[in-house]
N, C-alpha and C. Protein backbone atom coordinates (compact mmCIF):
# COMPACT_ATOMS: atom_id res chain seq x y z
N UNK A 1 56.66 -50.34 19.24
CA UNK A 1 56.45 -51.17 20.31
C UNK A 1 55.27 -51.53 20.12
N UNK A 2 54.97 -52.67 21.33
CA UNK A 2 53.87 -53.31 21.49
C UNK A 2 53.25 -52.98 22.98
N UNK A 3 52.06 -52.69 23.07
CA UNK A 3 51.03 -52.13 24.58
C UNK A 3 51.40 -53.37 25.49
N UNK A 4 52.33 -52.69 26.60
CA UNK A 4 52.62 -53.50 27.70
C UNK A 4 51.38 -53.66 28.54
N UNK A 5 49.77 -53.24 28.27
CA UNK A 5 48.90 -53.55 29.34
C UNK A 5 47.97 -54.91 28.82
N UNK A 6 47.37 -55.33 30.09
CA UNK A 6 46.85 -56.34 30.11
C UNK A 6 45.52 -55.96 29.21
N UNK A 7 45.24 -57.32 27.99
CA UNK A 7 44.35 -56.96 27.09
C UNK A 7 43.13 -57.61 28.50
N UNK A 8 42.15 -56.90 28.18
CA UNK A 8 40.45 -57.13 28.59
C UNK A 8 39.86 -58.78 27.75
N UNK A 9 39.43 -59.27 28.88
CA UNK A 9 38.16 -60.16 28.19
C UNK A 9 36.88 -60.06 27.77
N UNK A 10 36.23 -61.13 27.41
CA UNK A 10 35.20 -60.89 27.19
C UNK A 10 34.46 -61.02 28.75
N UNK A 11 34.79 -62.25 29.71
CA UNK A 11 34.17 -62.13 31.06
C UNK A 11 34.64 -60.55 31.85
N UNK A 12 35.66 -60.26 31.46
CA UNK A 12 36.28 -59.15 31.83
C UNK A 12 35.35 -57.67 32.01
N UNK A 13 34.87 -57.27 30.68
CA UNK A 13 34.16 -56.53 30.11
C UNK A 13 32.75 -56.74 30.45
N UNK A 14 32.47 -57.83 30.64
CA UNK A 14 30.97 -58.30 31.10
C UNK A 14 30.48 -57.84 33.00
N UNK A 15 31.66 -57.86 33.35
CA UNK A 15 31.84 -57.71 35.15
C UNK A 15 31.75 -56.38 34.88
N UNK A 16 32.95 -55.80 34.10
CA UNK A 16 32.90 -53.93 34.16
C UNK A 16 31.63 -53.53 33.68
N UNK A 17 30.65 -53.66 32.86
CA UNK A 17 28.86 -53.42 32.47
C UNK A 17 28.04 -53.58 33.79
N UNK A 18 28.51 -55.04 34.03
CA UNK A 18 27.34 -55.85 35.26
C UNK A 18 27.70 -54.52 36.64
N UNK A 19 29.09 -54.46 37.04
CA UNK A 19 28.91 -53.59 38.17
C UNK A 19 28.74 -52.11 37.84
N UNK A 20 29.18 -51.30 37.15
CA UNK A 20 29.00 -49.85 37.00
C UNK A 20 27.82 -49.54 35.67
N UNK A 21 27.39 -50.31 35.12
CA UNK A 21 26.24 -49.99 34.79
C UNK A 21 24.71 -50.22 34.61
N UNK A 22 23.41 -49.81 33.88
CA UNK A 22 22.40 -50.29 34.29
C UNK A 22 22.01 -50.83 32.77
N UNK A 23 22.73 -51.24 32.01
CA UNK A 23 22.54 -52.08 31.02
C UNK A 23 22.05 -53.09 30.94
N UNK A 24 21.44 -53.89 30.19
CA UNK A 24 20.80 -55.27 30.00
C UNK A 24 22.47 -55.67 28.93
N UNK A 25 23.62 -56.13 29.76
CA UNK A 25 24.60 -56.87 29.31
C UNK A 25 24.13 -57.95 28.02
N UNK A 26 24.25 -57.87 26.62
CA UNK A 26 24.21 -58.86 25.68
C UNK A 26 25.85 -58.67 25.03
N UNK A 27 25.32 -59.81 24.82
CA UNK A 27 26.83 -60.12 23.71
C UNK A 27 27.29 -59.15 22.93
N UNK A 28 26.46 -58.30 22.28
CA UNK A 28 26.83 -57.36 21.15
C UNK A 28 27.55 -56.25 21.68
N UNK A 29 26.64 -55.74 23.27
CA UNK A 29 27.31 -54.52 23.86
C UNK A 29 28.76 -55.06 24.18
N UNK A 30 28.79 -56.13 25.16
CA UNK A 30 29.90 -56.25 25.41
C UNK A 30 31.21 -56.51 23.94
N UNK A 31 30.56 -56.77 23.37
CA UNK A 31 31.21 -57.06 21.95
C UNK A 31 31.96 -55.41 21.71
N UNK A 32 31.08 -54.63 21.36
CA UNK A 32 31.50 -53.10 21.28
C UNK A 32 31.93 -52.55 21.85
N UNK A 33 32.00 -52.93 23.31
CA UNK A 33 32.50 -51.66 24.43
C UNK A 33 34.13 -52.34 24.50
N UNK A 34 34.20 -54.06 24.15
CA UNK A 34 35.40 -54.38 24.28
C UNK A 34 36.45 -53.97 23.04
N UNK A 35 35.83 -53.47 21.96
CA UNK A 35 36.18 -53.17 20.79
C UNK A 35 36.60 -51.45 20.76
N UNK A 36 35.78 -50.94 21.89
CA UNK A 36 36.18 -49.53 22.27
C UNK A 36 37.36 -49.38 23.12
N UNK A 37 37.33 -50.24 23.97
CA UNK A 37 38.72 -50.05 25.20
C UNK A 37 39.34 -51.01 25.12
N UNK A 38 39.73 -51.39 23.95
CA UNK A 38 40.51 -52.78 23.18
C UNK A 38 43.04 -52.10 23.92
N UNK A 39 42.75 -50.63 24.14
CA UNK A 39 43.68 -50.29 24.49
C UNK A 39 44.23 -50.02 25.42
N UNK A 40 42.99 -50.52 26.62
CA UNK A 40 42.55 -49.70 27.77
C UNK A 40 42.83 -51.53 28.60
N UNK A 41 43.79 -51.15 30.13
CA UNK A 41 43.35 -52.34 31.29
C UNK A 41 42.71 -52.30 32.16
N UNK A 42 42.17 -53.35 32.70
CA UNK A 42 40.68 -53.73 33.22
C UNK A 42 40.92 -52.82 34.24
N UNK A 43 42.09 -52.77 34.98
CA UNK A 43 42.20 -51.37 36.26
C UNK A 43 42.01 -50.27 35.65
N UNK A 44 42.37 -49.47 34.24
CA UNK A 44 42.28 -48.41 33.83
C UNK A 44 40.44 -48.35 33.91
N UNK A 45 39.83 -49.15 33.31
CA UNK A 45 39.05 -49.15 33.18
C UNK A 45 37.52 -48.76 33.98
N UNK A 46 38.43 -49.48 35.36
CA UNK A 46 37.42 -49.40 36.68
C UNK A 46 37.64 -48.69 37.32
N UNK A 47 38.87 -47.76 37.48
CA UNK A 47 39.37 -46.98 38.09
C UNK A 47 38.29 -45.57 37.43
N UNK A 48 38.45 -45.67 36.09
CA UNK A 48 37.85 -44.42 35.44
C UNK A 48 36.32 -44.46 35.91
N UNK A 49 35.72 -45.94 35.58
CA UNK A 49 34.35 -45.62 36.02
C UNK A 49 33.85 -45.16 37.21
N UNK A 50 34.95 -45.82 38.09
CA UNK A 50 34.47 -45.33 39.71
C UNK A 50 34.69 -43.81 39.72
N UNK A 51 35.71 -43.36 39.28
CA UNK A 51 35.59 -42.20 38.86
C UNK A 51 34.81 -41.14 38.67
N UNK A 52 33.64 -41.64 37.68
CA UNK A 52 32.78 -41.03 36.97
C UNK A 52 31.48 -40.96 38.06
N UNK A 53 31.41 -42.26 39.14
CA UNK A 53 30.36 -41.77 39.77
C UNK A 53 29.13 -42.54 39.33
N UNK A 54 28.35 -41.78 39.65
CA UNK A 54 27.21 -42.30 38.88
C UNK A 54 26.68 -42.08 37.24
N UNK A 55 27.38 -41.34 36.51
CA UNK A 55 27.32 -40.64 35.40
C UNK A 55 27.90 -42.35 34.91
N UNK A 56 28.13 -42.87 35.52
CA UNK A 56 29.20 -44.12 34.74
C UNK A 56 27.83 -45.13 34.30
N UNK A 57 26.81 -45.20 35.26
CA UNK A 57 25.53 -46.01 34.55
C UNK A 57 25.29 -45.92 33.27
N UNK A 58 25.50 -44.68 32.65
CA UNK A 58 24.72 -44.43 31.33
C UNK A 58 26.22 -43.70 30.60
N UNK A 59 27.60 -44.08 30.68
CA UNK A 59 28.59 -43.87 30.48
C UNK A 59 28.83 -45.04 28.61
N UNK A 60 29.42 -43.95 27.67
CA UNK A 60 29.57 -44.90 26.75
C UNK A 60 31.26 -46.05 26.56
N UNK A 61 31.88 -46.50 25.92
CA UNK A 61 33.18 -46.55 25.61
C UNK A 61 34.15 -45.58 25.51
N UNK A 62 33.59 -44.92 24.42
CA UNK A 62 34.02 -43.40 24.01
C UNK A 62 34.62 -42.50 25.49
N UNK A 63 33.61 -42.57 26.34
CA UNK A 63 33.91 -41.58 27.30
C UNK A 63 34.32 -42.31 28.60
N UNK A 64 34.46 -43.64 28.78
CA UNK A 64 35.34 -44.40 29.34
C UNK A 64 37.10 -44.06 28.75
N UNK A 65 37.47 -44.53 27.77
CA UNK A 65 38.31 -44.55 26.86
C UNK A 65 38.93 -42.83 27.37
N UNK A 66 38.13 -41.49 27.08
CA UNK A 66 38.78 -40.56 27.40
C UNK A 66 39.17 -40.17 28.72
N UNK A 67 38.23 -40.74 29.69
CA UNK A 67 38.47 -40.76 30.96
C UNK A 67 40.27 -41.22 31.53
N UNK A 68 40.74 -42.54 30.53
CA UNK A 68 41.32 -43.65 30.92
C UNK A 68 42.66 -42.62 30.06
N UNK A 69 42.52 -41.88 29.22
CA UNK A 69 43.53 -40.88 28.54
C UNK A 69 43.91 -39.99 29.50
N UNK A 70 42.95 -39.10 30.23
CA UNK A 70 43.42 -38.24 30.76
C UNK A 70 43.99 -38.42 31.99
N UNK A 71 43.74 -40.06 32.57
CA UNK A 71 44.59 -40.29 33.53
C UNK A 71 45.87 -40.61 33.13
N UNK A 72 46.01 -41.48 32.21
CA UNK A 72 47.11 -41.42 31.67
C UNK A 72 48.11 -40.10 30.92
N UNK A 73 47.55 -38.99 31.14
CA UNK A 73 48.51 -37.57 30.34
C UNK A 73 48.58 -37.44 32.16
N UNK A 74 47.88 -37.39 32.88
CA UNK A 74 47.65 -36.54 34.45
C UNK A 74 49.28 -37.45 34.95
N UNK A 75 49.39 -38.70 34.84
CA UNK A 75 50.20 -40.06 35.23
C UNK A 75 51.59 -39.22 34.62
N UNK A 76 51.67 -39.07 33.32
CA UNK A 76 52.76 -39.02 32.02
C UNK A 76 53.17 -37.47 33.00
N UNK A 77 52.43 -36.12 33.20
CA UNK A 77 52.79 -34.77 33.63
C UNK A 77 53.34 -34.93 35.00
N UNK A 78 52.86 -35.91 36.36
CA UNK A 78 53.14 -36.01 37.43
C UNK A 78 53.83 -36.61 37.50
N UNK A 79 54.60 -37.44 36.84
CA UNK A 79 55.94 -38.23 36.78
C UNK A 79 56.19 -39.52 37.59
N UNK A 80 55.24 -40.00 38.69
CA UNK A 80 55.77 -40.95 39.01
C UNK A 80 54.32 -42.16 37.93
N UNK A 81 54.62 -43.36 38.72
CA UNK A 81 53.72 -44.35 37.49
C UNK A 81 52.51 -44.41 38.64
N UNK A 82 51.31 -44.68 38.03
CA UNK A 82 49.90 -44.68 37.52
C UNK A 82 49.88 -45.87 38.23
N UNK A 83 48.20 -46.57 38.37
CA UNK A 83 48.34 -47.40 38.49
C UNK A 83 48.18 -48.71 37.66
N UNK A 84 47.67 -47.59 36.34
CA UNK A 84 48.08 -48.50 34.73
C UNK A 84 49.16 -49.08 34.84
N UNK A 85 50.44 -48.00 35.49
CA UNK A 85 51.82 -48.67 34.65
C UNK A 85 52.77 -49.18 35.76
N UNK A 86 52.01 -49.22 37.28
CA UNK A 86 52.69 -50.42 37.97
C UNK A 86 53.13 -51.86 37.84
N UNK A 87 54.41 -51.94 38.04
CA UNK A 87 55.16 -52.84 37.91
C UNK A 87 55.83 -53.15 36.19
N UNK A 88 55.49 -52.12 35.31
CA UNK A 88 56.04 -52.16 33.70
C UNK A 88 57.31 -51.03 34.06
N UNK A 89 58.10 -51.69 33.80
CA UNK A 89 59.77 -51.07 33.84
C UNK A 89 59.01 -49.82 32.70
N UNK A 90 59.94 -48.64 33.48
CA UNK A 90 59.98 -47.15 32.38
C UNK A 90 60.16 -47.25 30.97
N UNK A 91 60.65 -48.34 30.51
CA UNK A 91 61.75 -48.45 29.08
C UNK A 91 60.48 -49.42 28.07
N UNK A 92 59.30 -49.83 28.99
CA UNK A 92 58.37 -50.50 28.28
C UNK A 92 57.10 -49.69 28.68
N UNK A 93 56.80 -48.65 29.05
CA UNK A 93 55.49 -47.99 29.30
C UNK A 93 55.83 -47.06 28.14
N UNK A 94 54.29 -46.87 27.51
CA UNK A 94 54.19 -46.22 26.05
C UNK A 94 53.69 -45.40 26.62
N UNK A 95 54.14 -44.13 25.97
CA UNK A 95 53.75 -42.61 26.25
C UNK A 95 53.07 -41.98 25.30
N UNK A 96 51.71 -41.33 26.04
CA UNK A 96 50.52 -40.71 24.88
C UNK A 96 50.91 -39.99 24.99
N UNK A 97 50.84 -39.51 23.15
CA UNK A 97 51.20 -38.17 22.74
C UNK A 97 50.17 -37.39 23.21
N UNK A 98 49.99 -35.70 23.16
CA UNK A 98 49.52 -35.37 23.63
C UNK A 98 48.14 -34.73 22.65
N UNK A 99 47.21 -34.07 23.05
CA UNK A 99 46.03 -34.21 21.96
C UNK A 99 46.09 -34.16 20.55
N UNK A 100 46.52 -33.35 20.12
CA UNK A 100 46.83 -32.19 18.77
C UNK A 100 47.91 -33.71 18.04
N UNK A 101 48.36 -34.17 19.01
CA UNK A 101 49.30 -35.54 18.33
C UNK A 101 48.51 -36.52 18.05
N UNK A 102 47.69 -36.76 18.99
CA UNK A 102 46.56 -37.78 19.07
C UNK A 102 46.29 -38.23 17.84
N UNK A 103 45.46 -36.90 17.65
CA UNK A 103 44.51 -36.65 16.13
C UNK A 103 45.19 -36.83 14.93
N UNK A 104 46.59 -36.42 14.99
CA UNK A 104 47.70 -36.44 14.43
C UNK A 104 48.05 -37.92 13.78
N UNK A 105 48.15 -38.59 14.68
CA UNK A 105 48.21 -40.33 14.37
C UNK A 105 46.75 -41.04 13.93
N UNK A 106 45.81 -40.63 14.68
CA UNK A 106 44.44 -41.10 14.17
C UNK A 106 44.19 -40.91 12.83
N UNK A 107 44.65 -39.98 12.37
CA UNK A 107 44.03 -39.57 11.00
C UNK A 107 45.40 -40.25 10.10
N UNK A 108 46.59 -40.37 10.73
CA UNK A 108 47.88 -40.99 9.83
C UNK A 108 46.92 -42.84 9.81
N UNK A 109 46.69 -43.47 10.80
CA UNK A 109 45.90 -44.91 11.03
C UNK A 109 44.71 -44.55 10.02
N UNK A 110 44.06 -43.57 9.75
CA UNK A 110 42.70 -43.86 8.74
C UNK A 110 43.50 -43.70 7.43
N UNK A 111 44.25 -43.00 7.04
CA UNK A 111 45.20 -42.78 5.80
C UNK A 111 45.81 -44.20 5.19
N UNK A 112 46.10 -45.02 6.81
CA UNK A 112 46.27 -46.18 6.12
C UNK A 112 46.22 -47.18 5.84
N UNK A 113 44.82 -46.67 6.49
CA UNK A 113 43.22 -47.88 6.50
C UNK A 113 42.81 -47.68 4.91
N UNK A 114 42.99 -46.16 4.45
CA UNK A 114 42.25 -45.94 3.02
C UNK A 114 43.22 -46.50 2.24
N UNK A 115 44.65 -46.69 2.33
CA UNK A 115 45.64 -47.21 1.98
C UNK A 115 45.70 -49.01 1.58
N UNK A 116 44.65 -49.40 2.44
CA UNK A 116 44.94 -50.78 2.69
C UNK A 116 43.46 -50.72 1.62
N UNK A 117 42.51 -50.20 1.97
CA UNK A 117 41.21 -50.73 0.88
C UNK A 117 41.44 -50.31 -0.98
N UNK A 118 42.49 -49.39 -0.81
CA UNK A 118 42.87 -49.28 -2.13
C UNK A 118 43.83 -50.40 -3.08
N UNK A 119 44.93 -51.30 -1.68
CA UNK A 119 45.72 -51.96 -2.86
C UNK A 119 44.78 -52.94 -2.84
N UNK A 120 43.36 -53.19 -2.14
CA UNK A 120 43.06 -54.85 -1.85
C UNK A 120 41.92 -53.98 -3.14
N UNK A 121 41.61 -53.14 -3.80
CA UNK A 121 40.32 -53.09 -4.66
C UNK A 121 39.00 -52.86 -3.84
N UNK A 122 39.09 -52.75 -2.87
CA UNK A 122 37.94 -52.55 -1.89
C UNK A 122 37.33 -51.31 -1.58
N UNK A 123 35.57 -50.76 -2.02
CA UNK A 123 35.47 -49.89 -2.08
C UNK A 123 35.03 -49.08 -0.91
N UNK A 124 35.67 -47.90 -0.50
CA UNK A 124 35.57 -47.56 0.82
C UNK A 124 34.38 -46.69 0.60
N UNK A 125 33.68 -46.68 2.22
CA UNK A 125 32.47 -45.41 1.85
C UNK A 125 33.09 -43.97 2.29
N UNK A 126 32.76 -43.35 1.82
CA UNK A 126 33.65 -41.66 1.73
C UNK A 126 32.52 -41.46 2.80
N UNK A 127 31.22 -41.62 3.18
CA UNK A 127 30.37 -41.02 3.83
C UNK A 127 30.90 -41.04 5.62
N UNK A 128 31.24 -42.49 5.67
CA UNK A 128 31.78 -42.90 6.44
C UNK A 128 33.06 -42.46 7.32
N UNK A 129 33.99 -41.61 6.28
CA UNK A 129 35.04 -40.78 6.58
C UNK A 129 34.39 -39.86 7.05
N UNK A 130 33.61 -39.05 6.35
CA UNK A 130 33.34 -37.66 6.80
C UNK A 130 32.74 -37.81 8.34
N UNK A 131 31.90 -38.37 8.07
CA UNK A 131 30.79 -38.78 10.30
C UNK A 131 32.26 -38.66 10.73
N UNK A 132 33.33 -39.58 10.78
CA UNK A 132 34.11 -39.52 11.77
C UNK A 132 34.68 -38.39 12.08
N UNK A 133 35.01 -37.62 10.56
CA UNK A 133 35.80 -36.53 11.23
C UNK A 133 35.16 -35.42 12.17
N UNK A 134 33.74 -35.78 12.59
CA UNK A 134 33.37 -34.69 13.50
C UNK A 134 33.02 -35.55 15.19
N UNK A 135 32.29 -35.01 15.84
CA UNK A 135 31.98 -35.33 17.40
C UNK A 135 30.58 -36.01 16.91
N UNK A 136 29.98 -36.90 17.56
CA UNK A 136 28.77 -37.16 17.07
C UNK A 136 27.60 -36.28 18.40
N UNK A 137 26.98 -35.84 17.69
CA UNK A 137 25.89 -35.43 18.40
C UNK A 137 25.09 -35.49 19.52
N UNK A 138 24.83 -36.94 18.66
CA UNK A 138 23.40 -38.10 19.50
C UNK A 138 24.85 -39.34 20.83
N UNK A 139 25.45 -39.54 20.36
CA UNK A 139 26.16 -40.22 21.14
C UNK A 139 27.52 -39.77 21.94
N UNK A 140 28.15 -38.45 21.47
CA UNK A 140 29.23 -37.78 22.33
C UNK A 140 30.44 -38.49 21.79
N UNK A 141 30.23 -39.28 20.71
CA UNK A 141 31.78 -40.00 20.53
C UNK A 141 32.88 -38.87 20.01
N UNK A 142 33.99 -39.45 19.89
CA UNK A 142 34.92 -38.27 19.72
C UNK A 142 35.28 -38.15 18.62
N UNK A 143 35.64 -37.60 17.28
CA UNK A 143 36.16 -37.59 16.47
C UNK A 143 37.16 -38.50 15.91
N UNK A 144 36.97 -39.07 14.92
CA UNK A 144 37.80 -40.23 14.62
C UNK A 144 37.80 -41.58 15.24
N UNK A 145 36.01 -41.69 15.78
CA UNK A 145 36.23 -42.73 16.83
C UNK A 145 34.17 -43.04 16.11
N UNK A 146 34.15 -44.57 16.35
CA UNK A 146 33.14 -44.75 15.86
C UNK A 146 32.04 -44.75 17.01
N UNK A 147 30.51 -44.25 16.55
CA UNK A 147 29.64 -44.03 17.57
C UNK A 147 29.88 -45.00 18.67
N UNK A 148 29.06 -44.83 19.61
CA UNK A 148 28.80 -45.95 20.33
C UNK A 148 27.04 -46.87 20.47
N UNK A 149 27.03 -48.08 20.81
CA UNK A 149 25.53 -48.63 20.54
C UNK A 149 24.90 -47.73 20.70
N UNK A 150 24.97 -46.59 21.69
CA UNK A 150 23.38 -45.94 21.86
C UNK A 150 22.45 -45.65 21.05
N UNK A 151 21.09 -45.97 21.73
CA UNK A 151 20.18 -45.75 20.34
C UNK A 151 18.93 -45.01 20.77
N UNK A 152 18.96 -44.66 22.43
CA UNK A 152 18.02 -43.80 23.08
C UNK A 152 18.82 -43.04 23.86
N UNK A 153 18.76 -41.44 23.82
CA UNK A 153 19.43 -40.43 24.81
C UNK A 153 18.80 -40.40 25.55
N UNK A 154 19.43 -39.44 27.08
CA UNK A 154 18.48 -39.24 27.93
C UNK A 154 17.17 -38.39 27.70
N UNK A 155 16.71 -37.37 26.53
CA UNK A 155 15.81 -36.64 26.35
C UNK A 155 14.68 -37.81 25.52
N UNK A 156 14.78 -39.05 25.80
CA UNK A 156 13.87 -39.94 24.89
C UNK A 156 14.24 -40.48 23.44
N UNK A 157 15.28 -39.54 22.41
CA UNK A 157 15.06 -39.81 21.54
C UNK A 157 15.64 -40.67 20.78
N UNK A 158 15.57 -41.28 19.97
CA UNK A 158 15.52 -42.86 19.60
C UNK A 158 16.37 -42.56 17.80
N UNK A 159 17.61 -42.97 17.83
CA UNK A 159 18.37 -42.87 16.92
C UNK A 159 19.55 -44.53 16.71
N UNK A 160 18.82 -45.07 15.32
CA UNK A 160 20.22 -46.23 15.62
C UNK A 160 20.88 -46.01 14.57
N UNK A 161 22.07 -46.41 14.53
CA UNK A 161 23.26 -45.96 13.72
C UNK A 161 23.04 -47.16 12.78
N UNK A 162 23.45 -46.05 11.33
CA UNK A 162 23.54 -46.54 10.02
C UNK A 162 24.27 -48.00 9.86
N UNK A 163 23.90 -49.05 9.06
CA UNK A 163 24.55 -50.14 8.82
C UNK A 163 25.50 -49.77 7.57
N UNK A 164 25.75 -49.19 6.91
CA UNK A 164 27.03 -48.67 6.12
C UNK A 164 28.33 -48.09 6.72
N UNK A 165 27.74 -46.99 7.22
CA UNK A 165 28.72 -45.78 8.21
C UNK A 165 28.74 -46.12 9.42
N UNK A 166 28.08 -47.08 10.21
CA UNK A 166 28.10 -47.35 11.64
C UNK A 166 28.46 -46.34 12.59
N UNK A 167 27.81 -45.59 12.07
CA UNK A 167 27.48 -44.07 12.33
C UNK A 167 25.86 -43.77 13.07
N UNK A 168 25.41 -42.68 13.89
CA UNK A 168 24.64 -42.33 14.32
C UNK A 168 24.16 -41.13 12.78
N UNK A 169 22.49 -41.35 12.15
CA UNK A 169 22.73 -40.50 11.13
C UNK A 169 22.93 -39.13 11.16
N UNK A 170 22.33 -38.90 12.19
CA UNK A 170 22.81 -37.01 13.15
C UNK A 170 24.16 -36.77 12.91
N UNK A 171 25.14 -37.35 12.56
CA UNK A 171 26.59 -37.29 12.86
C UNK A 171 26.88 -37.16 11.58
N UNK A 172 26.42 -37.93 10.49
CA UNK A 172 26.91 -37.09 9.19
C UNK A 172 25.91 -36.58 8.93
N UNK A 173 25.48 -35.73 9.03
CA UNK A 173 24.42 -34.65 8.81
C UNK A 173 24.90 -33.82 9.83
N UNK A 174 25.55 -33.51 10.91
CA UNK A 174 25.96 -32.46 11.40
C UNK A 174 27.21 -32.37 10.41
N UNK A 175 28.26 -33.54 10.03
CA UNK A 175 29.08 -33.44 9.56
C UNK A 175 29.25 -32.79 7.96
N UNK A 176 27.80 -32.78 7.37
CA UNK A 176 27.53 -32.51 5.94
C UNK A 176 27.49 -30.71 6.34
N UNK A 177 26.73 -30.23 7.15
CA UNK A 177 26.23 -29.57 7.66
C UNK A 177 27.89 -28.66 7.90
N UNK A 178 28.87 -29.03 8.33
CA UNK A 178 29.85 -27.93 8.81
C UNK A 178 30.87 -27.89 7.03
N UNK A 179 30.68 -29.28 7.06
CA UNK A 179 31.68 -28.96 5.09
C UNK A 179 30.92 -27.99 4.54
N UNK A 180 29.40 -27.56 4.45
CA UNK A 180 29.43 -27.21 3.59
C UNK A 180 29.22 -25.30 3.98
N UNK A 181 29.63 -25.71 5.65
CA UNK A 181 29.51 -23.89 6.10
C UNK A 181 30.80 -23.38 5.60
N UNK A 182 31.85 -24.63 5.89
CA UNK A 182 33.60 -24.20 5.71
C UNK A 182 33.64 -23.77 3.98
N UNK A 183 32.92 -24.58 3.40
CA UNK A 183 33.07 -24.00 1.91
C UNK A 183 32.72 -22.68 1.53
N UNK A 184 30.87 -22.08 2.20
CA UNK A 184 30.97 -20.88 1.97
C UNK A 184 31.48 -20.17 2.92
N UNK A 185 32.17 -20.59 3.81
CA UNK A 185 33.11 -19.32 4.50
C UNK A 185 34.17 -19.28 3.58
N UNK A 186 34.50 -20.70 3.05
CA UNK A 186 36.14 -20.12 2.22
C UNK A 186 35.21 -19.40 1.12
N UNK A 187 34.51 -19.76 0.75
CA UNK A 187 34.06 -18.78 -1.07
C UNK A 187 33.67 -17.58 -0.34
N UNK A 188 32.97 -17.05 0.60
CA UNK A 188 32.94 -15.87 1.01
C UNK A 188 34.08 -14.89 1.02
N UNK A 189 35.40 -15.54 1.08
CA UNK A 189 36.57 -14.99 2.05
C UNK A 189 37.33 -14.61 0.27
N UNK A 190 36.96 -15.65 -0.41
CA UNK A 190 37.79 -15.25 -1.43
C UNK A 190 37.23 -13.89 -2.42
N UNK A 191 35.78 -14.01 -2.21
CA UNK A 191 35.07 -12.87 -2.91
C UNK A 191 35.40 -11.92 -2.27
N UNK A 192 35.63 -11.38 -0.86
CA UNK A 192 35.75 -10.33 -0.79
C UNK A 192 37.33 -9.74 -0.79
N UNK A 193 38.12 -10.86 -1.26
CA UNK A 193 39.45 -10.54 -1.69
C UNK A 193 39.48 -9.48 -2.58
């Protein structure tokens, strides 16, 4: 089923950023925010950033998306339609799966992308999938989401995204550390048996 929410344009995203953030609005920033908020309406994004208050000045697309998802979940639980679904008939509203189901669907999407790469004969970067499997410790992007364009955090630490994985290097290091930790834990459990 197709999404019934209004698609944001580049000028909508530019206005959203100019109104709610302190960022210097460049074309690259608009592009990254537009792709990060592709499934959300302008009204949802404005409401989410307004609800964040002063934190919206340093928000990332994944922060806004999480806030929009939480608002959708709350409106689905409460029953009456919220502002995001006002005017949309009930049979056309897209129900958001709860958290674990959402992760399942994200992983199913990743499997589909892998299958498409395999059919086309393209080379897939294994580090990209490994990095996406964990939350980014630098920009706080959710698991299975691409890192935001953040290059300097509040502590003043600077970290640029890797060109091949499109992720922050600390995210890949964190994923590798978790993978080795899981492997050693599994190995220790097998030895204990």
